[in-house]
Amino acid sequence: MRRPPAFRQPFTSQEQTMIDNRHSGLPPSIIPPSIIPPSIIPPSIIVSEPDAERLESLLESDEWRSQPAARALQDELLRAEVRPQGNMPAEVVGMHSSVECEDERSGDRHCLTLVYPKEADVASGRVSVLAPVGSALLGLSVGQHIDWRTPDGRQLRLTVLAVQPPGTGADTER
């Protein structure tokens, strides 16, 4: 799933609007982007080149390629702005980042670490990037939020409160 070199450049505003409309589930020909409620449009995301390359390899593997969650992650990568590791803001959720987030609806706070599937352990807060909430958190910045439906059907709005990059705390695995 190698991306053409031009893909690594940010999208034009028109291309981003088309992507946002596709992800909203609403036909762009029916609802102009200017009247789509902001909560429906997914927030812009940033992913480091090393994370993007490793995730693309993961999605190309026979083990994960056919998993339904792989499509959601692929969609996230397709809309991401990919930057060199040295140009990544510290407050962006990347692989092995620890994330403090809050459910705006209930006030519940969660501390999660975004990991690769074989490292996942929900009991210790290590969430797979192939889990719906994991792929949704990838690339978000402090202050951004995602709407997410839990496996039991509850609707959450998770806001990123803090991001601890890998290697700066308890989770030093890379």
Protein backbone atom coordinates (compact mmCIF):
# COMPACT_ATOMS: atom_id res chain seq x y z
CA MET A 1 0.00 0.00 0.00
CA ARG A 2 2.84 2.39 -0.85
CA ARG A 3 1.64 5.94 -1.29
CA PRO A 4 2.77 7.98 -4.27
CA PRO A 5 5.29 10.70 -3.29
CA ALA A 6 2.72 13.46 -3.81
CA PHE A 7 0.52 11.91 -1.12
CA ARG A 8 2.89 13.01 1.59
CA GLN A 9 2.01 16.63 0.86
CA PRO A 10 -0.92 18.26 2.69
CA PHE A 11 -4.22 18.22 0.84
CA THR A 12 -5.59 21.35 -0.79
CA SER A 13 -8.62 22.79 1.00
CA GLN A 14 -10.90 21.47 -1.76
CA GLU A 15 -9.41 17.95 -1.45
CA GLN A 16 -9.72 18.08 2.35
CA THR A 17 -13.37 19.13 2.03
CA MET A 18 -14.03 16.15 -0.26
CA ILE A 19 -12.33 13.82 2.22
CA ASP A 20 -14.20 15.33 5.17
CA ASN A 21 -17.51 14.90 3.35
CA ARG A 22 -16.70 11.28 2.47
CA HIS A 23 -15.92 10.54 6.10
CA SER A 24 -19.03 12.24 7.39
CA GLY A 25 -21.19 9.63 5.68
CA LEU A 26 -23.18 12.39 4.02
CA PRO A 27 -23.21 12.75 0.23
CA PRO A 28 -21.24 15.90 -0.65
CA SER A 29 -23.62 16.69 -3.50
CA ILE A 30 -26.52 16.98 -1.06
CA ILE A 31 -25.00 18.80 1.92
CA PRO A 32 -22.49 21.62 1.33
CA PRO A 33 -19.48 21.50 3.68
CA SER A 34 -20.34 24.91 5.10
CA ILE A 35 -23.48 23.56 6.80
CA ILE A 36 -22.17 20.23 8.06
CA PRO A 37 -22.07 20.38 11.86
CA PRO A 38 -18.44 20.42 13.06
CA SER A 39 -18.97 17.30 15.21
CA ILE A 40 -19.61 15.26 12.05
CA ILE A 41 -16.45 16.36 10.26
CA PRO A 42 -13.46 14.41 11.53
CA PRO A 43 -10.70 16.60 12.91
CA SER A 44 -7.50 17.06 10.94
CA ILE A 45 -4.75 14.70 12.02
CA ILE A 46 -0.95 14.52 11.83
CA VAL A 47 1.05 11.28 11.68
CA SER A 48 4.83 10.89 11.70
CA GLU A 49 6.53 9.30 8.69
CA PRO A 50 7.89 6.38 10.77
CA ASP A 51 4.46 5.66 12.26
CA ALA A 52 2.77 5.92 8.84
CA GLU A 53 5.29 3.55 7.26
CA ARG A 54 5.04 0.98 10.05
CA LEU A 55 1.23 1.15 10.04
CA GLU A 56 1.14 0.74 6.26
CA SER A 57 3.31 -2.38 6.62
CA LEU A 58 0.95 -3.67 9.29
CA LEU A 59 -2.04 -3.14 6.98
CA GLU A 60 -0.27 -4.92 4.12
CA SER A 61 0.43 -8.02 6.21
CA ASP A 62 -1.67 -11.13 5.61
CA GLU A 63 -2.51 -11.28 9.32
CA TRP A 64 -4.25 -7.88 9.47
CA ARG A 65 -5.17 -6.98 5.88
CA SER A 66 -8.58 -8.70 5.99
CA GLN A 67 -9.58 -7.35 9.42
CA PRO A 68 -12.54 -4.93 9.29
CA ALA A 69 -10.68 -2.50 11.57
CA ALA A 70 -7.89 -2.29 9.00
CA ARG A 71 -10.16 -0.30 6.67
CA ALA A 72 -10.85 2.32 9.36
CA LEU A 73 -7.14 2.70 10.06
CA GLN A 74 -6.41 2.90 6.34
CA ASP A 75 -8.99 5.69 6.00
CA GLU A 76 -7.33 7.59 8.85
CA LEU A 77 -3.92 7.27 7.21
CA LEU A 78 -5.28 8.44 3.87
CA ARG A 79 -6.54 11.69 5.37
CA ALA A 80 -3.53 12.30 7.62
CA GLU A 81 -0.89 14.95 7.09
CA VAL A 82 2.34 12.94 7.24
CA ARG A 83 5.36 14.77 8.65
CA PRO A 84 8.99 13.85 9.29
CA GLN A 85 9.54 12.76 12.90
CA GLY A 86 11.54 15.93 13.61
CA ASN A 87 8.59 18.11 12.59
CA MET A 88 6.02 16.45 14.83
CA PRO A 89 4.41 18.57 17.54
CA ALA A 90 4.77 16.97 20.98
CA GLU A 91 1.03 17.26 21.66
CA VAL A 92 0.01 14.87 18.83
CA VAL A 93 -1.09 11.28 19.54
CA GLY A 94 1.32 8.87 17.86
CA MET A 95 2.22 5.25 18.35
CA HIS A 96 3.25 4.49 21.94
CA SER A 97 2.03 7.91 23.10
CA SER A 98 0.19 8.03 26.40
CA VAL A 99 -3.04 9.98 26.10
CA GLU A 100 -5.21 11.51 28.77
CA CYS A 101 -8.72 12.07 27.46
CA GLU A 102 -12.09 12.95 28.90
CA ASP A 103 -15.57 11.93 27.86
CA GLU A 104 -17.33 15.30 27.54
CA ARG A 105 -20.71 13.68 28.16
CA SER A 106 -19.94 11.88 31.41
CA GLY A 107 -16.80 13.65 32.65
CA ASP A 108 -14.99 10.29 32.90
CA ARG A 109 -11.24 10.53 32.32
CA HIS A 110 -9.19 7.81 30.65
CA CYS A 111 -5.44 7.29 30.35
CA LEU A 112 -4.57 5.21 27.29
CA THR A 113 -1.43 4.24 25.45
CA LEU A 114 -1.73 3.70 21.69
CA VAL A 115 0.04 0.49 20.68
CA TYR A 116 0.32 -2.06 17.89
CA PRO A 117 -2.18 -4.97 18.01
CA LYS A 118 0.13 -7.56 19.59
CA GLU A 119 1.01 -5.13 22.40
CA ALA A 120 -2.60 -4.37 23.34
CA ASP A 121 -3.81 -4.99 26.87
CA VAL A 122 -7.06 -3.19 27.65
CA ALA A 123 -6.76 -3.92 31.39
CA SER A 124 -3.55 -1.85 31.54
CA GLY A 125 -4.83 0.87 29.19
CA ARG A 126 -2.80 -0.25 26.16
CA VAL A 127 -5.22 0.20 23.25
CA SER A 128 -4.57 -1.25 19.80
CA VAL A 129 -4.41 1.14 16.89
CA LEU A 130 -6.77 -1.34 15.19
CA ALA A 131 -9.40 -0.87 17.89
CA PRO A 132 -12.00 1.71 16.82
CA VAL A 133 -10.99 4.17 19.54
CA GLY A 134 -7.30 3.55 18.78
CA SER A 135 -7.53 4.38 15.09
CA ALA A 136 -9.73 7.37 15.94
CA LEU A 137 -7.19 8.77 18.45
CA LEU A 138 -4.23 8.42 16.06
CA GLY A 139 -2.98 11.85 14.98
CA LEU A 140 -5.24 13.95 17.21
CA SER A 141 -3.81 16.95 19.05
CA VAL A 142 -4.51 18.28 22.53
CA GLY A 143 -7.92 19.98 22.50
CA GLN A 144 -9.34 17.94 19.61
CA HIS A 145 -12.15 15.48 20.17
CA ILE A 146 -13.69 12.42 18.56
CA ASP A 147 -17.17 11.01 18.73
CA TRP A 148 -16.98 7.29 19.34
CA ARG A 149 -19.53 4.54 19.95
CA THR A 150 -18.42 1.92 22.47
CA PRO A 151 -18.91 -1.80 21.77
CA ASP A 152 -21.89 -1.74 24.16
CA GLY A 153 -23.52 1.09 22.15
CA ARG A 154 -22.80 4.10 24.38
CA GLN A 155 -21.86 7.30 22.53
CA LEU A 156 -18.74 9.06 23.83
CA ARG A 157 -17.12 12.35 22.89
CA LEU A 158 -13.48 11.97 23.88
CA THR A 159 -11.41 15.14 24.13
CA VAL A 160 -7.62 14.85 24.21
CA LEU A 161 -6.39 16.64 27.35
CA ALA A 162 -2.71 15.69 27.32
CA VAL A 163 -0.27 13.64 25.27
CA GLN A 164 2.96 12.18 26.57
CA PRO A 165 5.27 11.20 23.69
CA PRO A 166 6.88 7.75 23.80
CA GLY A 167 10.03 7.41 25.84
CA THR A 168 9.19 10.28 28.21
CA GLY A 169 7.37 8.31 30.88
CA ALA A 170 6.48 4.83 32.02
CA ASP A 171 5.86 3.60 28.46
CA THR A 172 9.34 3.65 26.93
CA GLU A 173 8.86 0.74 24.51
CA ARG A 174 9.32 1.72 20.87
